[in-house]
Amino acid sequence: MSNTGLSFPKKEHLTGEIRVKRLFTEGQSFLAYPLRVVFLPDEPREIPLQALFSVPKRRFKRANKRNLLKRRMREAFRLHKSSLTGVLSQKALTIDVAFTYVANEPIAFSVIERKMIEALNILKEKAV
């Protein structure tokens, strides 16, 4: 597999206050503990999947813990997103996704990775 499929470039980051607000108000959600996933199918565009990652300050006061958990979620997403982006590209669909960490304690990368795979599989079923 080439490295281009395993990247998470800036254009795949979900940005913009209007789009993020719309995602959280109109989107559907499900829980793959410790991840809460909110998604919203969107009008077709060049990038089939855009994502954002969030760790609440309410649960983790120290920024270094929040950043560590966001890095773990981004890495798990980067490694396993290709299965979902392939399906979305074939069907000419686009989707905006937000991953929020909901556990009260930091969890090992291996657990986050397993749950990210589970979340992406659920997304594949629900969005397609």
Protein backbone atom coordinates (compact mmCIF):
# COMPACT_ATOMS: atom_id res chain seq x y z
CA MET A 1 0.00 0.00 0.00
CA SER A 2 1.32 3.45 -0.85
CA ASN A 3 1.88 6.12 1.76
CA THR A 4 -0.50 8.52 0.02
CA GLY A 5 -3.46 6.48 1.25
CA LEU A 6 -2.23 6.61 4.83
CA SER A 7 -1.93 10.36 5.16
CA PHE A 8 -4.30 12.81 6.83
CA PRO A 9 -3.71 16.07 4.93
CA LYS A 10 -5.11 19.46 5.91
CA LYS A 11 -7.81 19.28 3.23
CA GLU A 12 -9.33 16.28 5.04
CA HIS A 13 -9.66 18.23 8.31
CA LEU A 14 -13.18 19.50 8.95
CA THR A 15 -12.98 23.24 9.50
CA GLY A 16 -15.29 26.21 9.42
CA GLU A 17 -17.70 27.29 12.13
CA ILE A 18 -20.79 26.95 9.93
CA ARG A 19 -20.04 23.38 8.80
CA VAL A 20 -19.06 22.24 12.31
CA LYS A 21 -22.18 23.79 13.85
CA ARG A 22 -24.35 22.16 11.17
CA LEU A 23 -22.69 18.80 11.82
CA PHE A 24 -23.51 18.91 15.53
CA THR A 25 -27.07 20.24 15.09
CA GLU A 26 -28.24 18.15 12.12
CA GLY A 27 -25.93 15.13 12.29
CA GLN A 28 -26.67 11.62 13.51
CA SER A 29 -24.55 10.07 16.25
CA PHE A 30 -23.61 6.74 17.77
CA LEU A 31 -21.26 5.55 20.48
CA ALA A 32 -18.30 3.21 20.06
CA TYR A 33 -16.99 3.71 23.59
CA PRO A 34 -14.73 5.62 24.24
CA LEU A 35 -15.63 7.43 20.99
CA ARG A 36 -18.82 9.33 20.25
CA VAL A 37 -19.19 9.71 16.50
CA VAL A 38 -21.35 12.40 14.89
CA PHE A 39 -21.73 12.27 11.12
CA LEU A 40 -23.61 14.14 8.44
CA PRO A 41 -23.81 13.15 4.78
CA ASP A 42 -23.11 16.24 2.68
CA GLU A 43 -23.36 17.44 -0.90
CA PRO A 44 -20.78 15.81 -3.22
CA ARG A 45 -17.38 17.50 -3.34
CA GLU A 46 -13.80 16.60 -4.18
CA ILE A 47 -12.92 15.25 -0.71
CA PRO A 48 -15.19 12.30 0.27
CA LEU A 49 -14.47 12.41 4.01
CA GLN A 50 -13.60 15.28 6.36
CA ALA A 51 -13.09 14.71 10.08
CA LEU A 52 -12.48 16.54 13.32
CA PHE A 53 -11.32 15.21 16.68
CA SER A 54 -12.32 16.55 20.06
CA VAL A 55 -11.46 15.87 23.69
CA PRO A 56 -13.56 17.87 26.18
CA LYS A 57 -11.79 20.21 28.56
CA ARG A 58 -14.41 19.27 31.15
CA ARG A 59 -13.02 15.73 31.34
CA PHE A 60 -9.30 16.51 30.88
CA LYS A 61 -8.14 19.80 32.36
CA ARG A 62 -4.54 19.49 31.21
CA ALA A 63 -3.90 20.28 27.57
CA ASN A 64 -1.13 17.69 27.24
CA LYS A 65 -3.62 14.88 28.03
CA ARG A 66 -6.16 16.27 25.56
CA ASN A 67 -3.50 16.56 22.87
CA LEU A 68 -2.25 13.01 23.54
CA LEU A 69 -5.75 11.58 23.13
CA LYS A 70 -6.40 13.61 19.96
CA ARG A 71 -3.09 12.36 18.50
CA ARG A 72 -4.08 8.77 19.27
CA MET A 73 -7.50 9.21 17.64
CA ARG A 74 -6.02 10.91 14.56
CA GLU A 75 -3.42 8.19 14.17
CA ALA A 76 -6.00 5.39 14.42
CA PHE A 77 -8.20 7.22 11.91
CA ARG A 78 -5.29 7.82 9.53
CA LEU A 79 -4.35 4.14 9.52
CA HIS A 80 -7.85 2.78 8.93
CA LYS A 81 -9.84 5.42 7.01
CA SER A 82 -9.06 3.93 3.58
CA SER A 83 -11.83 1.32 3.80
CA LEU A 84 -14.45 4.04 4.32
CA THR A 85 -13.04 6.52 1.79
CA GLY A 86 -12.94 3.79 -0.86
CA VAL A 87 -16.64 3.03 -0.42
CA LEU A 88 -17.55 6.74 -0.36
CA SER A 89 -15.56 7.41 -3.54
CA GLN A 90 -17.18 4.50 -5.39
CA LYS A 91 -20.68 5.70 -4.51
CA ALA A 92 -19.82 9.41 -5.03
CA LEU A 93 -20.82 10.27 -1.46
CA THR A 94 -19.29 12.72 1.00
CA ILE A 95 -19.53 12.78 4.76
CA ASP A 96 -18.46 15.06 7.61
CA VAL A 97 -17.48 13.28 10.83
CA ALA A 98 -16.63 14.35 14.39
CA PHE A 99 -14.96 11.98 16.82
CA THR A 100 -15.33 12.98 20.48
CA TYR A 101 -13.51 11.16 23.27
CA VAL A 102 -16.02 10.47 26.06
CA ALA A 103 -14.13 8.29 28.58
CA ASN A 104 -12.99 9.85 31.86
CA GLU A 105 -9.52 8.27 31.79
CA PRO A 106 -6.87 8.06 29.06
CA ILE A 107 -7.01 4.72 27.24
CA ALA A 108 -4.18 2.91 25.43
CA PHE A 109 -3.73 3.39 21.70
CA SER A 110 -4.52 -0.27 20.98
CA VAL A 111 -8.01 0.12 22.49
CA ILE A 112 -8.64 3.42 20.70
CA GLU A 113 -7.49 1.84 17.43
CA ARG A 114 -9.83 -1.14 17.85
CA LYS A 115 -12.76 1.16 18.63
CA MET A 116 -11.91 3.43 15.69
CA ILE A 117 -12.08 0.42 13.35
CA GLU A 118 -15.45 -0.47 14.87
CA ALA A 119 -16.68 3.13 14.47
CA LEU A 120 -15.55 3.30 10.83
CA ASN A 121 -17.36 0.02 10.08
CA ILE A 122 -20.56 1.35 11.66
CA LEU A 123 -20.15 4.57 9.65
CA LYS A 124 -19.79 2.51 6.49
CA GLU A 125 -23.10 0.77 7.19
CA LYS A 126 -25.04 3.88 8.26
CA ALA A 127 -23.77 6.40 5.73
CA VAL A 128 -23.89 4.15 2.68
